Protein backbone atom coordinates (compact mmCIF):
# COMPACT_ATOMS: atom_id res chain seq x y z
CA MET A 1 62.39 163.51 82.80
CA ARG A 2 62.28 162.71 79.12
CA TYR A 3 65.42 161.77 77.30
CA GLY A 4 66.29 163.66 74.18
CA ALA A 5 67.47 167.01 72.97
CA TYR A 6 66.13 170.27 74.35
CA ARG A 7 64.29 172.26 71.66
CA GLY A 8 62.64 175.57 72.47
CA GLY A 9 60.93 174.94 75.79
CA MET A 10 60.26 171.23 75.46
CA TYR A 11 62.27 168.07 75.23
CA TYR A 12 62.51 166.48 71.83
CA ALA A 13 62.34 162.71 72.13
CA GLY A 14 63.03 161.89 68.48
CA GLY A 15 60.80 161.13 65.55
CA SER A 16 59.37 163.92 63.48
CA ASP A 17 59.93 167.47 64.67
CA CYS A 18 56.73 168.44 62.89
CA SER A 19 53.61 168.05 65.05
CA ASP A 20 51.20 168.66 62.18
CA LEU A 21 50.32 165.52 60.23
CA PHE A 22 49.44 167.56 57.15
CA ALA A 23 52.44 169.91 57.16
CA ILE A 24 54.29 167.86 54.56
CA ASN A 25 52.36 167.13 51.35
CA PRO A 26 48.90 167.92 52.75
CA LEU A 27 47.01 167.17 49.53
CA ARG A 28 48.26 163.60 49.24
CA ARG A 29 47.88 162.84 52.94
CA SER A 30 44.41 164.30 53.35
CA ALA A 31 43.17 162.72 50.11
CA THR A 32 44.51 159.37 51.33
CA VAL A 33 42.70 159.75 54.67
CA VAL A 34 39.45 160.67 52.90
CA ALA A 35 39.75 157.75 50.43
CA VAL A 36 40.54 155.18 53.13
CA SER A 37 37.79 156.56 55.38
CA ALA A 38 35.26 156.43 52.55
CA ALA A 39 36.27 152.83 51.77
CA LEU A 40 35.90 151.86 55.43
CA LEU A 41 32.55 153.60 55.72
CA PHE A 42 30.92 152.65 52.42
CA GLY A 43 32.64 149.30 51.81
CA PRO A 44 30.64 147.39 54.45
CA ILE A 45 27.41 148.97 53.23
CA PHE A 46 27.81 147.58 49.71
CA PHE A 47 29.67 144.33 50.33
CA LEU A 48 28.48 143.00 53.71
CA HIS A 49 25.04 142.06 54.96
CA GLY A 50 23.26 141.67 58.27
CA ASP A 51 25.13 141.54 61.55
CA THR A 52 28.57 141.75 59.94
CA ARG A 53 27.70 145.05 58.32
CA ALA A 54 26.40 146.40 61.62
CA LEU A 55 29.52 145.20 63.43
CA PHE A 56 31.85 146.93 60.99
CA LEU A 57 29.84 150.15 60.98
CA ILE A 58 29.58 150.29 64.77
CA ALA A 59 33.25 149.41 65.29
CA GLY A 60 34.87 151.62 62.67
CA GLY A 61 32.18 153.69 61.04
CA TRP A 62 32.50 156.54 63.50
CA LEU A 63 36.26 156.71 62.92
CA ALA A 64 35.79 156.65 59.14
CA ALA A 65 33.13 159.37 59.31
CA THR A 66 35.45 161.48 61.47
CA GLY A 67 38.24 161.08 58.90
CA ILE A 68 35.94 162.22 56.12
CA ILE A 69 34.57 165.16 58.10
CA MET A 70 37.97 166.38 59.28
CA CYS A 71 40.01 165.89 56.09
CA THR A 72 37.59 166.87 53.32
CA PRO A 73 38.05 170.61 54.03
CA ILE A 74 41.82 170.11 53.88
CA VAL A 75 41.51 168.42 50.48
CA ILE A 76 39.31 171.23 49.18
CA TRP A 77 41.66 173.90 50.56
CA CYS A 78 44.70 172.21 49.01
CA LEU A 79 43.00 171.92 45.63
CA ILE A 80 42.15 175.63 45.73
CA GLU A 81 45.77 176.46 46.64
CA GLU A 82 47.07 174.33 43.76
CA ALA A 83 44.69 176.05 41.33
CA VAL A 84 45.80 179.49 42.53
CA LEU A 85 49.46 178.47 42.24
CA PHE A 86 48.87 177.17 38.70
CA VAL A 87 47.19 180.41 37.62
CA ARG A 88 49.89 182.52 39.29
CA ARG A 89 52.63 180.54 37.49
CA ARG A 90 50.86 181.07 34.16
CA ILE A 91 50.44 184.82 34.72
CA THR A 92 53.86 185.53 36.28
CA PRO A 93 56.24 182.65 35.51
CA PRO A 94 58.87 182.06 38.21
CA ILE A 95 62.61 182.27 37.61
CA GLU A 96 62.81 178.48 37.95
CA GLU A 97 61.69 178.29 34.31
CA LEU A 98 64.88 180.01 33.17
CA ASP A 99 67.85 177.84 32.28
CA LEU A 100 70.26 179.47 34.74
CA SER A 101 73.35 178.24 36.47
CA PRO A 102 72.93 177.61 40.20
CA ARG A 103 75.02 180.70 40.99
CA ALA A 104 72.85 183.08 38.93
CA TYR A 105 69.65 181.47 40.18
CA ASN A 106 70.74 181.77 43.83
CA LEU A 107 71.80 185.38 43.30
CA LEU A 108 68.35 186.28 42.02
CA ARG A 109 66.55 184.37 44.77
CA ARG A 110 68.72 185.84 47.51
CA HIS A 111 67.87 189.37 46.37
CA GLY A 112 64.13 188.72 46.22
CA PHE A 113 63.51 188.16 42.51
CA GLU A 114 60.71 185.62 42.21
CA SER A 115 59.29 186.16 38.72
CA ILE A 116 60.83 186.54 35.29
CA ALA A 117 58.94 189.81 34.81
CA SER A 118 60.57 191.38 37.86
CA VAL A 119 64.05 190.45 36.60
CA GLU A 120 63.23 191.64 33.10
CA GLN A 121 62.00 195.04 34.32
CA THR A 122 65.12 195.65 36.41
CA PRO A 123 67.80 197.54 34.47
CA ASP A 124 71.30 196.09 34.19
CA SER A 125 72.74 198.94 36.25
CA SER A 126 70.50 197.99 39.18
CA LEU A 127 71.36 194.32 38.82
CA ALA A 128 75.06 195.20 38.84
CA LEU A 129 74.63 196.88 42.25
CA LEU A 130 73.53 193.61 43.85
CA SER A 131 76.17 191.87 45.93
CA ASN A 132 78.24 189.23 44.06
CA MET A 133 76.54 190.10 40.75
CA ASP A 134 79.03 190.50 37.93
CA ALA A 135 78.75 191.23 34.21
CA ARG A 136 78.96 187.54 33.32
CA ALA A 137 75.96 186.70 35.52
CA ILE A 138 73.97 189.60 34.08
CA ARG A 139 74.71 188.42 30.53
CA GLU A 140 73.68 184.88 31.49
CA ILE A 141 70.41 186.11 33.00
CA ARG A 142 69.55 188.30 29.99
CA ARG A 143 70.42 185.47 27.60
CA ALA A 144 68.26 183.01 29.55
CA ILE A 145 65.33 185.45 29.48
CA SER A 146 65.73 185.90 25.71
CA ILE A 147 65.80 182.16 25.13
CA TRP A 148 62.78 181.68 27.40
CA ARG A 149 60.84 184.37 25.47
CA TYR A 150 61.82 182.83 22.13
CA ARG A 151 60.66 179.36 23.23
CA ARG A 152 57.32 180.78 24.42
CA TRP A 153 56.97 182.56 21.08
CA GLN A 154 57.55 179.27 19.26
CA GLU A 155 55.05 177.43 21.47
CA ARG A 156 52.39 179.98 20.58
CA GLY A 157 52.59 179.02 16.92
CA PHE A 158 55.40 181.07 15.44
CA PRO A 159 58.08 178.48 14.61
CA ALA A 160 61.50 179.55 13.37
CA ASP A 161 61.39 177.02 10.50
CA ASP A 162 59.05 179.15 8.38
CA MET A 163 61.52 182.01 8.09
CA PRO A 164 63.26 182.43 4.69
């Protein structure tokens, strides 16, 4: 019998409770595996000669090639996900960009508001019906949206300094 805590049908013997190597920060981990594998595979080809090159390629070349073959699709997939996330954040900016207090931010997140546009389109009367939402939080949210819009307006080339 294994020692450790019982977790959902199997005994947990410590360490990471995540069995997937790429579950946490997959882009960095897969890119590191691909870079190290490429160095191990192509390094001996360019820097070693004769029997030493053959020894390194026979001993570790198969492992390096496996790392490249298995992790390159993960790198490509992660880069595509990052590009989609970047475009989505540009089109519908998230509420994280607002300068809100933790209370107001958590209220919006708890009730399913993810983007600034969804909060902006919701009338104050509907926001007031949400649990724990009071007039002060609604004023703070509306003020933060106004300031965020004004800053975006300034970034697009309409500074406030030119006004008479």
